[in-house]
Amino acid sequence: MALLDDGAWHGKVWTGAWTDGSGGTYDAVEPATGDVIAPVGKATPEDVHTAALRAVEAQKAWAALPFEERAAVLRRAGDVLAAHADEIKGWLARESGAIQPFGDFQVHTSAQEC
């Protein structure tokens, strides 16, 4: 299964979980073709505030973890990025209009940093 196949994020925003954006949805459009990629959630200032509050709480728990556990999470994130690099760079190109080699650079640099 591809990383983003389940569509759980369609029409949603991330506020600690995929939820409906209070501002409704809008279509993410591929700049090169004008095709609709998918509906995405439209966040309001309240949604951003909720996400920020959840991030503050999550950061406290994250900081309390031992270094080895935090490092393992980042290594796993890097592994997931590397394993799905072709899919992710494709999405990056479609969403931003960037060329594939730039997406490749972004994905592999991010994976290596993790």
C-alpha atoms as a PDB file:
ATOM      1  CA  MET A   1       0.000   0.000   0.000  1.00  0.00           C
ATOM      2  CA  ALA A   2       1.230   3.460  -0.793  1.00  0.00           C
ATOM      3  CA  LEU A   3       1.793   5.938   2.000  1.00  0.00           C
ATOM      4  CA  LEU A   4      -1.179   8.169   1.172  1.00  0.00           C
ATOM      5  CA  ASP A   5      -3.579   5.675  -0.429  1.00  0.00           C
ATOM      6  CA  ASP A   6      -6.179   5.529   2.305  1.00  0.00           C
ATOM      7  CA  GLY A   7      -7.336   9.121   1.716  1.00  0.00           C
ATOM      8  CA  ALA A   8      -7.817   9.738   5.447  1.00  0.00           C
ATOM      9  CA  TRP A   9      -6.472  13.246   4.932  1.00  0.00           C
ATOM     10  CA  HIS A  10      -8.827  14.229   2.094  1.00  0.00           C
ATOM     11  CA  GLY A  11     -10.775  17.309   3.108  1.00  0.00           C
ATOM     12  CA  LYS A  12      -9.067  17.385   6.503  1.00  0.00           C
ATOM     13  CA  VAL A  13      -6.568  19.390   8.532  1.00  0.00           C
ATOM     14  CA  TRP A  14      -4.132  18.015  11.102  1.00  0.00           C
ATOM     15  CA  THR A  15      -4.814  19.242  14.637  1.00  0.00           C
ATOM     16  CA  GLY A  16      -3.411  16.195  16.420  1.00  0.00           C
ATOM     17  CA  ALA A  17      -5.623  13.945  14.291  1.00  0.00           C
ATOM     18  CA  TRP A  18      -7.184  14.311  10.831  1.00  0.00           C
ATOM     19  CA  THR A  19     -10.275  16.450  11.431  1.00  0.00           C
ATOM     20  CA  ASP A  20     -12.618  18.569   9.367  1.00  0.00           C
ATOM     21  CA  GLY A  21     -11.319  22.091   8.963  1.00  0.00           C
ATOM     22  CA  SER A  22     -13.710  24.638  10.424  1.00  0.00           C
ATOM     23  CA  GLY A  23     -13.337  26.653   7.230  1.00  0.00           C
ATOM     24  CA  GLY A  24     -14.662  23.849   5.016  1.00  0.00           C
ATOM     25  CA  THR A  25     -12.599  22.492   2.141  1.00  0.00           C
ATOM     26  CA  TYR A  26     -10.987  23.666  -1.047  1.00  0.00           C
ATOM     27  CA  ASP A  27      -9.419  21.888  -3.972  1.00  0.00           C
ATOM     28  CA  ALA A  28      -5.660  21.485  -4.180  1.00  0.00           C
ATOM     29  CA  VAL A  29      -4.902  22.087  -7.849  1.00  0.00           C
ATOM     30  CA  GLU A  30      -1.925  20.793  -9.788  1.00  0.00           C
ATOM     31  CA  PRO A  31      -0.255  23.918 -11.247  1.00  0.00           C
ATOM     32  CA  ALA A  32       1.067  22.136 -14.341  1.00  0.00           C
ATOM     33  CA  THR A  33      -2.304  20.776 -15.477  1.00  0.00           C
ATOM     34  CA  GLY A  34      -5.015  22.565 -13.544  1.00  0.00           C
ATOM     35  CA  ASP A  35      -6.319  19.153 -12.427  1.00  0.00           C
ATOM     36  CA  VAL A  36      -7.747  18.796  -8.945  1.00  0.00           C
ATOM     37  CA  ILE A  37      -5.442  16.626  -6.833  1.00  0.00           C
ATOM     38  CA  ALA A  38      -7.770  16.269  -3.854  1.00  0.00           C
ATOM     39  CA  PRO A  39      -9.948  18.301  -1.540  1.00  0.00           C
ATOM     40  CA  VAL A  40      -8.068  19.612   1.480  1.00  0.00           C
ATOM     41  CA  GLY A  41      -9.300  21.094   4.715  1.00  0.00           C
ATOM     42  CA  LYS A  42      -9.366  24.832   5.179  1.00  0.00           C
ATOM     43  CA  ALA A  43      -8.124  25.758   8.636  1.00  0.00           C
ATOM     44  CA  THR A  44      -9.446  28.735  10.542  1.00  0.00           C
ATOM     45  CA  PRO A  45      -7.456  30.649  13.159  1.00  0.00           C
ATOM     46  CA  GLU A  46      -9.251  28.535  15.778  1.00  0.00           C
ATOM     47  CA  ASP A  47      -8.043  25.329  14.092  1.00  0.00           C
ATOM     48  CA  VAL A  48      -4.484  26.653  14.124  1.00  0.00           C
ATOM     49  CA  HIS A  49      -4.840  27.570  17.797  1.00  0.00           C
ATOM     50  CA  THR A  50      -6.119  24.069  18.630  1.00  0.00           C
ATOM     51  CA  ALA A  51      -3.227  22.483  16.745  1.00  0.00           C
ATOM     52  CA  ALA A  52      -0.745  24.757  18.526  1.00  0.00           C
ATOM     53  CA  LEU A  53      -2.137  23.828  21.946  1.00  0.00           C
ATOM     54  CA  ARG A  54      -1.869  20.135  21.122  1.00  0.00           C
ATOM     55  CA  ALA A  55       1.689  20.661  19.880  1.00  0.00           C
ATOM     56  CA  VAL A  56       2.664  22.346  23.162  1.00  0.00           C
ATOM     57  CA  GLU A  57       1.363  19.355  25.108  1.00  0.00           C
ATOM     58  CA  ALA A  58       2.977  16.838  22.762  1.00  0.00           C
ATOM     59  CA  GLN A  59       6.318  18.631  23.020  1.00  0.00           C
ATOM     60  CA  LYS A  60       6.344  18.199  26.786  1.00  0.00           C
ATOM     61  CA  ALA A  61       5.841  14.446  26.457  1.00  0.00           C
ATOM     62  CA  TRP A  62       8.420  14.294  23.636  1.00  0.00           C
ATOM     63  CA  ALA A  63      11.023  16.157  25.697  1.00  0.00           C
ATOM     64  CA  ALA A  64      10.481  13.768  28.607  1.00  0.00           C
ATOM     65  CA  LEU A  65      11.378  10.721  26.491  1.00  0.00           C
ATOM     66  CA  PRO A  66      14.926   9.371  26.647  1.00  0.00           C
ATOM     67  CA  PHE A  67      17.208  10.363  23.790  1.00  0.00           C
ATOM     68  CA  GLU A  68      17.268   6.812  22.435  1.00  0.00           C
ATOM     69  CA  GLU A  69      13.469   6.748  22.027  1.00  0.00           C
ATOM     70  CA  ARG A  70      13.359  10.139  20.300  1.00  0.00           C
ATOM     71  CA  ALA A  71      16.203   9.095  18.001  1.00  0.00           C
ATOM     72  CA  ALA A  72      14.384   5.870  17.122  1.00  0.00           C
ATOM     73  CA  VAL A  73      11.279   7.842  16.096  1.00  0.00           C
ATOM     74  CA  LEU A  74      13.343  10.106  13.842  1.00  0.00           C
ATOM     75  CA  ARG A  75      15.181   7.155  12.319  1.00  0.00           C
ATOM     76  CA  ARG A  76      11.841   5.485  11.595  1.00  0.00           C
ATOM     77  CA  ALA A  77      10.575   8.711   9.981  1.00  0.00           C
ATOM     78  CA  GLY A  78      13.673   8.760   7.783  1.00  0.00           C
ATOM     79  CA  ASP A  79      13.102   5.123   6.849  1.00  0.00           C
ATOM     80  CA  VAL A  80       9.465   5.837   5.892  1.00  0.00           C
ATOM     81  CA  LEU A  81      10.518   8.828   3.781  1.00  0.00           C
ATOM     82  CA  ALA A  82      13.171   6.772   2.005  1.00  0.00           C
ATOM     83  CA  ALA A  83      10.832   3.824   1.440  1.00  0.00           C
ATOM     84  CA  HIS A  84       8.163   6.062  -0.115  1.00  0.00           C
ATOM     85  CA  ALA A  85      10.477   8.541  -1.838  1.00  0.00           C
ATOM     86  CA  ASP A  86       9.049   8.062  -5.333  1.00  0.00           C
ATOM     87  CA  GLU A  87       5.481   8.563  -4.145  1.00  0.00           C
ATOM     88  CA  ILE A  88       6.346  11.601  -2.017  1.00  0.00           C
ATOM     89  CA  LYS A  89       8.384  13.332  -4.720  1.00  0.00           C
ATOM     90  CA  GLY A  90       5.509  12.750  -7.118  1.00  0.00           C
ATOM     91  CA  TRP A  91       3.098  14.418  -4.724  1.00  0.00           C
ATOM     92  CA  LEU A  92       5.536  17.294  -4.179  1.00  0.00           C
ATOM     93  CA  ALA A  93       5.825  17.886  -7.913  1.00  0.00           C
ATOM     94  CA  ARG A  94       2.070  17.724  -8.429  1.00  0.00           C
ATOM     95  CA  GLU A  95       1.227  19.952  -5.468  1.00  0.00           C
ATOM     96  CA  SER A  96       3.890  22.602  -5.942  1.00  0.00           C
ATOM     97  CA  GLY A  97       4.680  22.461  -9.633  1.00  0.00           C
ATOM     98  CA  ALA A  98       8.334  21.705  -8.837  1.00  0.00           C
ATOM     99  CA  ILE A  99      10.416  19.436 -11.034  1.00  0.00           C
ATOM    100  CA  GLN A 100      10.957  15.809  -9.988  1.00  0.00           C
ATOM    101  CA  PRO A 101      14.689  16.227  -9.197  1.00  0.00           C
ATOM    102  CA  PHE A 102      13.851  18.964  -6.690  1.00  0.00           C
ATOM    103  CA  GLY A 103      11.323  16.670  -4.998  1.00  0.00           C
ATOM    104  CA  ASP A 104      13.959  13.939  -4.966  1.00  0.00           C
ATOM    105  CA  PHE A 105      16.388  16.330  -3.266  1.00  0.00           C
ATOM    106  CA  GLN A 106      13.753  17.355  -0.687  1.00  0.00           C
ATOM    107  CA  VAL A 107      12.757  13.808   0.203  1.00  0.00           C
ATOM    108  CA  HIS A 108      16.258  12.358   0.409  1.00  0.00           C
ATOM    109  CA  THR A 109      17.644  15.331   2.328  1.00  0.00           C
ATOM    110  CA  SER A 110      14.786  15.107   4.821  1.00  0.00           C
ATOM    111  CA  ALA A 111      15.269  11.345   5.204  1.00  0.00           C
ATOM    112  CA  GLN A 112      18.999  11.778   5.813  1.00  0.00           C
ATOM    113  CA  GLU A 113      18.431  14.554   8.356  1.00  0.00           C
ATOM    114  CA  CYS A 114      16.121  12.232  10.315  1.00  0.00           C
END
